[in-house]
């Protein structure tokens, strides 16, 4: 059988100590060396540094989201410091409000501020809600009544718009939040949104530029739906043809793009029409 990928996508991570590289080195390269342990300690210590007593990092919502996601890739399990940060996020007005107009103009979160995060640029209000839902869920708070209330609110709003939460890039953040929740990942609003993705997917597996390709592929890997598998299957040839000679993808943020894609491939390896990596 022909190999699925021409180049090894894991080589870019072997000597790095970013949170995603540490994840790859331990989980997929099965590294358990003194070097890995030293790199892990150094990185995690840096991630914990400068946390305020209220759980916030550097008085910034975005930096707090970045630190929590990086800790998810490294520490994995919730502890006192992580819980304190989550409680701060859950107390924010943007999350607590009962209703929201999904189409009102608001501050934008731009791509340059979202490096190494599984989110895309869009409305700040929507990004904030989705980031909090996502982080709380992956750290085991998926049954919190505050979490359920907001998921329900966004589910209803999304269904009213037949699977359209907002503009394409912004809607990726809603998909990301819904895809990780054990109940809402298979909700009707997700299926409606996947139908929209299917309608605009090109023959080569790509989507219009407004839809973030790597983030979308990775979000779909969390779903166990025939619709999502069909969409992912269509991307395989595109991924094979666009891989760089060093095993990475993209021109910028190569390590991050590659992590998103390999994470998806590993989870959905049964979709491959070629030999597994």
C-alpha atoms as a PDB file:
ATOM      1  CA  UNK A   1       0.000   0.000   0.000  1.00  0.00           C
ATOM      2  CA  UNK A   2       1.142   3.537  -0.671  1.00  0.00           C
ATOM      3  CA  UNK A   3       2.067   5.469   2.478  1.00  0.00           C
ATOM      4  CA  UNK A   4      -0.477   8.127   3.385  1.00  0.00           C
ATOM      5  CA  UNK A   5       2.197  10.790   3.914  1.00  0.00           C
ATOM      6  CA  UNK A   6       5.456  11.193   2.062  1.00  0.00           C
ATOM      7  CA  UNK A   7       7.273  12.886   4.944  1.00  0.00           C
ATOM      8  CA  UNK A   8       7.338  12.170   8.662  1.00  0.00           C
ATOM      9  CA  UNK A   9       5.208  14.875  10.356  1.00  0.00           C
ATOM     10  CA  UNK A  10       6.595  14.171  13.830  1.00  0.00           C
ATOM     11  CA  UNK A  11      10.196  15.154  13.233  1.00  0.00           C
ATOM     12  CA  UNK A  12       9.495  18.867  13.763  1.00  0.00           C
ATOM     13  CA  UNK A  13       8.643  18.192  17.427  1.00  0.00           C
ATOM     14  CA  UNK A  14      11.574  15.972  18.443  1.00  0.00           C
ATOM     15  CA  UNK A  15      13.899  18.660  19.827  1.00  0.00           C
ATOM     16  CA  UNK A  16      11.402  21.302  20.915  1.00  0.00           C
ATOM     17  CA  UNK A  17       9.886  21.985  24.318  1.00  0.00           C
ATOM     18  CA  UNK A  18       6.729  23.868  23.485  1.00  0.00           C
ATOM     19  CA  UNK A  19       3.600  22.435  25.132  1.00  0.00           C
ATOM     20  CA  UNK A  20       2.516  20.788  21.871  1.00  0.00           C
ATOM     21  CA  UNK A  21       6.006  19.333  21.291  1.00  0.00           C
ATOM     22  CA  UNK A  22       6.105  17.902  24.809  1.00  0.00           C
ATOM     23  CA  UNK A  23       2.707  16.305  24.165  1.00  0.00           C
ATOM     24  CA  UNK A  24       3.937  14.731  20.917  1.00  0.00           C
ATOM     25  CA  UNK A  25       7.253  13.584  22.359  1.00  0.00           C
ATOM     26  CA  UNK A  26       5.551  11.784  25.233  1.00  0.00           C
ATOM     27  CA  UNK A  27       2.378  10.474  23.581  1.00  0.00           C
ATOM     28  CA  UNK A  28       3.441   9.667  20.032  1.00  0.00           C
ATOM     29  CA  UNK A  29       7.243   9.475  20.161  1.00  0.00           C
ATOM     30  CA  UNK A  30       7.010   7.683  23.541  1.00  0.00           C
ATOM     31  CA  UNK A  31       9.879   9.657  25.001  1.00  0.00           C
ATOM     32  CA  UNK A  32      10.544   9.174  28.707  1.00  0.00           C
ATOM     33  CA  UNK A  33      14.063  10.511  29.003  1.00  0.00           C
ATOM     34  CA  UNK A  34      15.746  12.802  31.492  1.00  0.00           C
ATOM     35  CA  UNK A  35      15.837  15.442  28.770  1.00  0.00           C
ATOM     36  CA  UNK A  36      12.066  15.249  28.280  1.00  0.00           C
ATOM     37  CA  UNK A  37      11.467  15.483  32.029  1.00  0.00           C
ATOM     38  CA  UNK A  38      13.742  18.518  32.316  1.00  0.00           C
ATOM     39  CA  UNK A  39      12.077  20.182  29.341  1.00  0.00           C
ATOM     40  CA  UNK A  40       8.662  19.408  30.794  1.00  0.00           C
ATOM     41  CA  UNK A  41       9.498  20.917  34.189  1.00  0.00           C
ATOM     42  CA  UNK A  42      11.011  24.035  32.658  1.00  0.00           C
ATOM     43  CA  UNK A  43       8.015  24.614  30.389  1.00  0.00           C
ATOM     44  CA  UNK A  44       5.368  23.938  33.036  1.00  0.00           C
ATOM     45  CA  UNK A  45       7.123  26.126  35.606  1.00  0.00           C
ATOM     46  CA  UNK A  46       7.083  28.951  33.066  1.00  0.00           C
ATOM     47  CA  UNK A  47       3.389  28.390  32.370  1.00  0.00           C
ATOM     48  CA  UNK A  48       2.514  28.646  36.063  1.00  0.00           C
ATOM     49  CA  UNK A  49       4.619  31.754  36.608  1.00  0.00           C
ATOM     50  CA  UNK A  50       3.042  35.199  37.026  1.00  0.00           C
ATOM     51  CA  UNK A  51      -0.385  33.889  37.969  1.00  0.00           C
ATOM     52  CA  UNK A  52      -2.243  36.347  40.198  1.00  0.00           C
ATOM     53  CA  UNK A  53      -4.025  35.325  43.367  1.00  0.00           C
ATOM     54  CA  UNK A  54      -7.377  35.585  41.560  1.00  0.00           C
ATOM     55  CA  UNK A  55      -6.221  33.023  38.981  1.00  0.00           C
ATOM     56  CA  UNK A  56      -5.593  35.476  36.149  1.00  0.00           C
ATOM     57  CA  UNK A  57      -2.315  35.652  34.240  1.00  0.00           C
ATOM     58  CA  UNK A  58      -0.838  39.097  33.487  1.00  0.00           C
ATOM     59  CA  UNK A  59      -4.260  40.702  33.952  1.00  0.00           C
ATOM     60  CA  UNK A  60      -5.268  39.353  30.538  1.00  0.00           C
ATOM     61  CA  UNK A  61      -8.186  37.175  29.478  1.00  0.00           C
ATOM     62  CA  UNK A  62      -6.374  36.034  26.333  1.00  0.00           C
ATOM     63  CA  UNK A  63      -3.135  35.139  28.114  1.00  0.00           C
ATOM     64  CA  UNK A  64      -5.122  33.213  30.732  1.00  0.00           C
ATOM     65  CA  UNK A  65      -6.793  31.222  27.956  1.00  0.00           C
ATOM     66  CA  UNK A  66      -3.375  30.566  26.381  1.00  0.00           C
ATOM     67  CA  UNK A  67      -1.881  29.352  29.655  1.00  0.00           C
ATOM     68  CA  UNK A  68      -4.813  27.060  30.423  1.00  0.00           C
ATOM     69  CA  UNK A  69      -4.719  25.434  27.005  1.00  0.00           C
ATOM     70  CA  UNK A  70      -0.958  24.931  27.284  1.00  0.00           C
ATOM     71  CA  UNK A  71      -1.467  23.344  30.709  1.00  0.00           C
ATOM     72  CA  UNK A  72      -4.060  21.048  29.167  1.00  0.00           C
ATOM     73  CA  UNK A  73      -1.400  19.813  26.745  1.00  0.00           C
ATOM     74  CA  UNK A  74       1.157  19.287  29.505  1.00  0.00           C
ATOM     75  CA  UNK A  75      -0.198  18.847  33.031  1.00  0.00           C
ATOM     76  CA  UNK A  76      -3.528  17.567  31.651  1.00  0.00           C
ATOM     77  CA  UNK A  77      -5.344  17.181  34.980  1.00  0.00           C
ATOM     78  CA  UNK A  78      -7.011  20.006  36.884  1.00  0.00           C
ATOM     79  CA  UNK A  79      -5.293  21.241  40.049  1.00  0.00           C
ATOM     80  CA  UNK A  80      -5.760  24.163  42.436  1.00  0.00           C
ATOM     81  CA  UNK A  81      -4.090  26.716  40.145  1.00  0.00           C
ATOM     82  CA  UNK A  82      -6.043  25.610  37.106  1.00  0.00           C
ATOM     83  CA  UNK A  83      -9.303  25.514  39.050  1.00  0.00           C
ATOM     84  CA  UNK A  84      -8.727  29.052  40.317  1.00  0.00           C
ATOM     85  CA  UNK A  85      -8.252  30.290  36.742  1.00  0.00           C
ATOM     86  CA  UNK A  86     -11.359  28.471  35.533  1.00  0.00           C
ATOM     87  CA  UNK A  87     -13.441  30.011  38.298  1.00  0.00           C
ATOM     88  CA  UNK A  88     -12.231  33.452  37.262  1.00  0.00           C
ATOM     89  CA  UNK A  89     -13.280  32.774  33.665  1.00  0.00           C
ATOM     90  CA  UNK A  90     -16.683  31.453  34.700  1.00  0.00           C
ATOM     91  CA  UNK A  91     -17.328  34.607  36.721  1.00  0.00           C
ATOM     92  CA  UNK A  92     -16.868  36.982  33.776  1.00  0.00           C
ATOM     93  CA  UNK A  93     -19.796  39.127  32.668  1.00  0.00           C
ATOM     94  CA  UNK A  94     -19.396  38.057  29.033  1.00  0.00           C
ATOM     95  CA  UNK A  95     -20.125  34.503  30.158  1.00  0.00           C
ATOM     96  CA  UNK A  96     -22.726  35.167  32.853  1.00  0.00           C
ATOM     97  CA  UNK A  97     -25.158  37.250  30.809  1.00  0.00           C
ATOM     98  CA  UNK A  98     -28.442  35.494  30.104  1.00  0.00           C
ATOM     99  CA  UNK A  99     -28.919  36.547  26.498  1.00  0.00           C
ATOM    100  CA  UNK A 100     -26.664  37.671  23.685  1.00  0.00           C
ATOM    101  CA  UNK A 101     -27.254  39.071  20.230  1.00  0.00           C
ATOM    102  CA  UNK A 102     -25.043  36.861  18.089  1.00  0.00           C
ATOM    103  CA  UNK A 103     -24.858  39.468  15.344  1.00  0.00           C
ATOM    104  CA  UNK A 104     -24.193  42.675  17.223  1.00  0.00           C
ATOM    105  CA  UNK A 105     -20.882  44.387  16.302  1.00  0.00           C
ATOM    106  CA  UNK A 106     -18.153  43.767  18.848  1.00  0.00           C
ATOM    107  CA  UNK A 107     -14.413  43.878  19.310  1.00  0.00           C
ATOM    108  CA  UNK A 108     -12.542  41.493  17.045  1.00  0.00           C
ATOM    109  CA  UNK A 109     -10.018  38.900  18.160  1.00  0.00           C
ATOM    110  CA  UNK A 110      -7.400  38.720  15.419  1.00  0.00           C
ATOM    111  CA  UNK A 111      -5.434  35.673  14.317  1.00  0.00           C
ATOM    112  CA  UNK A 112      -2.110  37.063  15.539  1.00  0.00           C
ATOM    113  CA  UNK A 113      -3.437  36.968  19.108  1.00  0.00           C
ATOM    114  CA  UNK A 114      -4.572  33.352  18.781  1.00  0.00           C
ATOM    115  CA  UNK A 115      -1.300  31.634  17.970  1.00  0.00           C
ATOM    116  CA  UNK A 116      -1.127  28.094  19.365  1.00  0.00           C
ATOM    117  CA  UNK A 117      -4.808  28.188  20.291  1.00  0.00           C
ATOM    118  CA  UNK A 118      -7.532  26.111  18.562  1.00  0.00           C
ATOM    119  CA  UNK A 119      -9.611  29.227  17.871  1.00  0.00           C
ATOM    120  CA  UNK A 120      -9.931  31.625  14.960  1.00  0.00           C
ATOM    121  CA  UNK A 121     -10.427  35.379  14.666  1.00  0.00           C
ATOM    122  CA  UNK A 122     -13.919  36.758  15.080  1.00  0.00           C
ATOM    123  CA  UNK A 123     -16.146  38.545  17.559  1.00  0.00           C
ATOM    124  CA  UNK A 124     -14.562  38.930  20.973  1.00  0.00           C
ATOM    125  CA  UNK A 125     -17.811  38.155  22.793  1.00  0.00           C
ATOM    126  CA  UNK A 126     -18.261  34.892  20.916  1.00  0.00           C
ATOM    127  CA  UNK A 127     -14.606  33.917  21.270  1.00  0.00           C
ATOM    128  CA  UNK A 128     -14.758  34.527  25.021  1.00  0.00           C
ATOM    129  CA  UNK A 129     -17.871  32.400  25.514  1.00  0.00           C
ATOM    130  CA  UNK A 130     -16.544  29.561  23.376  1.00  0.00           C
ATOM    131  CA  UNK A 131     -13.085  29.602  24.950  1.00  0.00           C
ATOM    132  CA  UNK A 132     -14.591  29.379  28.436  1.00  0.00           C
ATOM    133  CA  UNK A 133     -16.911  26.544  27.417  1.00  0.00           C
ATOM    134  CA  UNK A 134     -14.050  24.686  25.746  1.00  0.00           C
ATOM    135  CA  UNK A 135     -11.591  25.048  28.622  1.00  0.00           C
ATOM    136  CA  UNK A 136     -14.107  24.237  31.337  1.00  0.00           C
ATOM    137  CA  UNK A 137     -15.197  21.118  29.449  1.00  0.00           C
ATOM    138  CA  UNK A 138     -11.733  19.728  28.729  1.00  0.00           C
ATOM    139  CA  UNK A 139     -10.845  20.194  32.398  1.00  0.00           C
ATOM    140  CA  UNK A 140     -13.836  18.139  33.537  1.00  0.00           C
ATOM    141  CA  UNK A 141     -16.444  20.812  34.280  1.00  0.00           C
ATOM    142  CA  UNK A 142     -18.848  19.729  31.537  1.00  0.00           C
ATOM    143  CA  UNK A 143     -21.700  19.149  34.020  1.00  0.00           C
ATOM    144  CA  UNK A 144     -21.427  22.526  35.726  1.00  0.00           C
ATOM    145  CA  UNK A 145     -24.840  24.186  35.554  1.00  0.00           C
ATOM    146  CA  UNK A 146     -23.257  27.424  34.343  1.00  0.00           C
ATOM    147  CA  UNK A 147     -21.677  25.541  31.461  1.00  0.00           C
ATOM    148  CA  UNK A 148     -24.886  23.741  30.523  1.00  0.00           C
ATOM    149  CA  UNK A 149     -26.881  26.986  30.609  1.00  0.00           C
ATOM    150  CA  UNK A 150     -24.596  28.682  28.077  1.00  0.00           C
ATOM    151  CA  UNK A 151     -24.399  25.619  25.826  1.00  0.00           C
ATOM    152  CA  UNK A 152     -28.203  25.510  25.803  1.00  0.00           C
ATOM    153  CA  UNK A 153     -28.462  29.199  24.996  1.00  0.00           C
ATOM    154  CA  UNK A 154     -26.025  28.869  22.079  1.00  0.00           C
ATOM    155  CA  UNK A 155     -27.640  25.651  20.869  1.00  0.00           C
ATOM    156  CA  UNK A 156     -31.036  27.348  20.634  1.00  0.00           C
ATOM    157  CA  UNK A 157     -29.590  30.436  18.929  1.00  0.00           C
ATOM    158  CA  UNK A 158     -27.692  28.280  16.445  1.00  0.00           C
ATOM    159  CA  UNK A 159     -30.725  26.172  15.587  1.00  0.00           C
ATOM    160  CA  UNK A 160     -32.814  29.296  15.029  1.00  0.00           C
ATOM    161  CA  UNK A 161     -30.259  30.303  12.385  1.00  0.00           C
ATOM    162  CA  UNK A 162     -30.168  26.751  10.913  1.00  0.00           C
ATOM    163  CA  UNK A 163     -26.619  26.062  11.992  1.00  0.00           C
ATOM    164  CA  UNK A 164     -25.200  29.517  11.405  1.00  0.00           C
ATOM    165  CA  UNK A 165     -23.874  31.090  14.584  1.00  0.00           C
ATOM    166  CA  UNK A 166     -21.947  33.935  12.986  1.00  0.00           C
ATOM    167  CA  UNK A 167     -19.482  34.464  10.113  1.00  0.00           C
ATOM    168  CA  UNK A 168     -17.510  31.387   9.037  1.00  0.00           C
ATOM    169  CA  UNK A 169     -14.303  32.096  10.945  1.00  0.00           C
ATOM    170  CA  UNK A 170     -16.151  33.085  14.081  1.00  0.00           C
ATOM    171  CA  UNK A 171     -18.423  30.026  13.842  1.00  0.00           C
ATOM    172  CA  UNK A 172     -15.335  27.809  14.017  1.00  0.00           C
ATOM    173  CA  UNK A 173     -15.085  28.800  17.682  1.00  0.00           C
ATOM    174  CA  UNK A 174     -18.619  27.569  18.325  1.00  0.00           C
ATOM    175  CA  UNK A 175     -17.826  24.270  16.603  1.00  0.00           C
ATOM    176  CA  UNK A 176     -14.686  23.950  18.753  1.00  0.00           C
ATOM    177  CA  UNK A 177     -16.656  24.423  21.964  1.00  0.00           C
ATOM    178  CA  UNK A 178     -19.471  22.064  20.984  1.00  0.00           C
ATOM    179  CA  UNK A 179     -17.133  19.366  19.625  1.00  0.00           C
ATOM    180  CA  UNK A 180     -15.532  18.628  23.006  1.00  0.00           C
ATOM    181  CA  UNK A 181     -18.706  18.341  25.082  1.00  0.00           C
ATOM    182  CA  UNK A 182     -19.956  14.730  25.468  1.00  0.00           C
ATOM    183  CA  UNK A 183     -23.598  15.806  25.156  1.00  0.00           C
ATOM    184  CA  UNK A 184     -23.531  18.716  22.721  1.00  0.00           C
ATOM    185  CA  UNK A 185     -21.026  17.305  20.233  1.00  0.00           C
ATOM    186  CA  UNK A 186     -23.850  15.295  18.662  1.00  0.00           C
ATOM    187  CA  UNK A 187     -26.564  17.931  18.969  1.00  0.00           C
ATOM    188  CA  UNK A 188     -28.703  18.980  16.032  1.00  0.00           C
ATOM    189  CA  UNK A 189     -27.018  22.374  15.758  1.00  0.00           C
ATOM    190  CA  UNK A 190     -23.668  20.652  15.123  1.00  0.00           C
ATOM    191  CA  UNK A 191     -25.232  18.518  12.397  1.00  0.00           C
ATOM    192  CA  UNK A 192     -26.742  21.624  10.827  1.00  0.00           C
ATOM    193  CA  UNK A 193     -23.373  23.374  10.850  1.00  0.00           C
ATOM    194  CA  UNK A 194     -21.675  20.328   9.293  1.00  0.00           C
ATOM    195  CA  UNK A 195     -24.239  20.432   6.497  1.00  0.00           C
ATOM    196  CA  UNK A 196     -23.176  24.017   5.841  1.00  0.00           C
ATOM    197  CA  UNK A 197     -19.515  22.961   5.788  1.00  0.00           C
ATOM    198  CA  UNK A 198     -20.312  20.166   3.372  1.00  0.00           C
ATOM    199  CA  UNK A 199     -22.149  22.515   1.033  1.00  0.00           C
ATOM    200  CA  UNK A 200     -19.097  24.753   0.571  1.00  0.00           C
ATOM    201  CA  UNK A 201     -16.325  22.127   0.678  1.00  0.00           C
ATOM    202  CA  UNK A 202     -14.382  22.033  -2.591  1.00  0.00           C
ATOM    203  CA  UNK A 203     -13.539  18.943  -4.600  1.00  0.00           C
ATOM    204  CA  UNK A 204      -9.958  18.962  -3.309  1.00  0.00           C
ATOM    205  CA  UNK A 205     -11.197  18.885   0.304  1.00  0.00           C
ATOM    206  CA  UNK A 206     -10.482  22.506   1.127  1.00  0.00           C
ATOM    207  CA  UNK A 207     -12.915  25.227   2.116  1.00  0.00           C
ATOM    208  CA  UNK A 208     -13.192  28.933   1.243  1.00  0.00           C
ATOM    209  CA  UNK A 209     -10.455  31.015   2.844  1.00  0.00           C
ATOM    210  CA  UNK A 210     -12.854  32.347   5.495  1.00  0.00           C
ATOM    211  CA  UNK A 211     -12.994  28.854   7.021  1.00  0.00           C
ATOM    212  CA  UNK A 212      -9.773  28.061   8.945  1.00  0.00           C
ATOM    213  CA  UNK A 213      -8.640  24.775   7.401  1.00  0.00           C
ATOM    214  CA  UNK A 214      -6.349  23.326  10.070  1.00  0.00           C
ATOM    215  CA  UNK A 215      -8.580  24.289  13.009  1.00  0.00           C
ATOM    216  CA  UNK A 216     -11.644  22.879  11.252  1.00  0.00           C
ATOM    217  CA  UNK A 217      -9.963  19.553  10.481  1.00  0.00           C
ATOM    218  CA  UNK A 218      -8.899  19.254  14.095  1.00  0.00           C
ATOM    219  CA  UNK A 219     -12.329  20.162  15.473  1.00  0.00           C
ATOM    220  CA  UNK A 220     -13.970  17.535  13.260  1.00  0.00           C
ATOM    221  CA  UNK A 221     -11.727  14.825  14.712  1.00  0.00           C
ATOM    222  CA  UNK A 222     -13.584  15.159  18.037  1.00  0.00           C
ATOM    223  CA  UNK A 223     -16.882  14.145  16.443  1.00  0.00           C
ATOM    224  CA  UNK A 224     -18.150  10.626  15.872  1.00  0.00           C
ATOM    225  CA  UNK A 225     -20.658  11.420  13.168  1.00  0.00           C
ATOM    226  CA  UNK A 226     -20.956  10.120   9.625  1.00  0.00           C
ATOM    227  CA  UNK A 227     -21.107  13.737   8.429  1.00  0.00           C
ATOM    228  CA  UNK A 228     -17.822  14.707  10.074  1.00  0.00           C
ATOM    229  CA  UNK A 229     -16.064  11.556   8.868  1.00  0.00           C
ATOM    230  CA  UNK A 230     -17.173  12.315   5.322  1.00  0.00           C
ATOM    231  CA  UNK A 231     -15.794  15.846   5.535  1.00  0.00           C
ATOM    232  CA  UNK A 232     -12.476  14.620   6.955  1.00  0.00           C
ATOM    233  CA  UNK A 233     -12.144  11.901   4.333  1.00  0.00           C
ATOM    234  CA  UNK A 234     -12.334  14.548   1.633  1.00  0.00           C
ATOM    235  CA  UNK A 235      -9.409  16.470   3.165  1.00  0.00           C
ATOM    236  CA  UNK A 236      -6.938  13.573   3.038  1.00  0.00           C
ATOM    237  CA  UNK A 237      -5.676  14.089  -0.507  1.00  0.00           C
ATOM    238  CA  UNK A 238      -5.318  17.831   0.147  1.00  0.00           C
ATOM    239  CA  UNK A 239      -3.254  17.098   3.248  1.00  0.00           C
ATOM    240  CA  UNK A 240      -1.053  14.665   1.379  1.00  0.00           C
ATOM    241  CA  UNK A 241      -0.451  17.060  -1.507  1.00  0.00           C
ATOM    242  CA  UNK A 242       0.259  20.151   0.611  1.00  0.00           C
ATOM    243  CA  UNK A 243       2.656  18.633   3.148  1.00  0.00           C
ATOM    244  CA  UNK A 244       6.022  20.398   3.227  1.00  0.00           C
ATOM    245  CA  UNK A 245       9.250  18.463   2.698  1.00  0.00           C
ATOM    246  CA  UNK A 246      10.099  18.790   6.405  1.00  0.00           C
ATOM    247  CA  UNK A 247       6.825  17.045   7.295  1.00  0.00           C
ATOM    248  CA  UNK A 248       4.956  20.189   8.318  1.00  0.00           C
ATOM    249  CA  UNK A 249       1.985  22.065   6.886  1.00  0.00           C
ATOM    250  CA  UNK A 250       1.536  25.722   6.030  1.00  0.00           C
ATOM    251  CA  UNK A 251       3.897  28.660   5.638  1.00  0.00           C
ATOM    252  CA  UNK A 252       3.407  30.173   9.095  1.00  0.00           C
ATOM    253  CA  UNK A 253       2.913  28.491  12.474  1.00  0.00           C
ATOM    254  CA  UNK A 254       4.144  25.230  10.963  1.00  0.00           C
ATOM    255  CA  UNK A 255       4.541  23.467  14.293  1.00  0.00           C
ATOM    256  CA  UNK A 256       1.011  24.392  15.352  1.00  0.00           C
ATOM    257  CA  UNK A 257      -0.590  23.479  12.017  1.00  0.00           C
ATOM    258  CA  UNK A 258       1.197  20.153  12.043  1.00  0.00           C
ATOM    259  CA  UNK A 259       0.088  19.405  15.585  1.00  0.00           C
ATOM    260  CA  UNK A 260      -3.551  20.070  14.649  1.00  0.00           C
ATOM    261  CA  UNK A 261      -3.348  17.773  11.629  1.00  0.00           C
ATOM    262  CA  UNK A 262      -1.457  14.906  13.272  1.00  0.00           C
ATOM    263  CA  UNK A 263      -3.809  15.082  16.259  1.00  0.00           C
ATOM    264  CA  UNK A 264      -6.710  14.621  13.836  1.00  0.00           C
ATOM    265  CA  UNK A 265      -5.056  11.843  11.845  1.00  0.00           C
ATOM    266  CA  UNK A 266      -4.146   9.862  14.951  1.00  0.00           C
ATOM    267  CA  UNK A 267      -7.716  10.059  16.258  1.00  0.00           C
ATOM    268  CA  UNK A 268      -9.303   9.237  12.898  1.00  0.00           C
ATOM    269  CA  UNK A 269      -6.703   6.878  11.426  1.00  0.00           C
ATOM    270  CA  UNK A 270      -9.438   4.433  10.367  1.00  0.00           C
ATOM    271  CA  UNK A 271     -10.459   6.954   7.697  1.00  0.00           C
ATOM    272  CA  UNK A 272      -7.146   6.725   5.878  1.00  0.00           C
ATOM    273  CA  UNK A 273      -7.259   5.170   2.454  1.00  0.00           C
ATOM    274  CA  UNK A 274      -3.499   4.741   2.643  1.00  0.00           C
ATOM    275  CA  UNK A 275      -1.167   3.101   5.134  1.00  0.00           C
ATOM    276  CA  UNK A 276      -1.321   4.638   8.619  1.00  0.00           C
ATOM    277  CA  UNK A 277       1.468   6.921   9.728  1.00  0.00           C
END
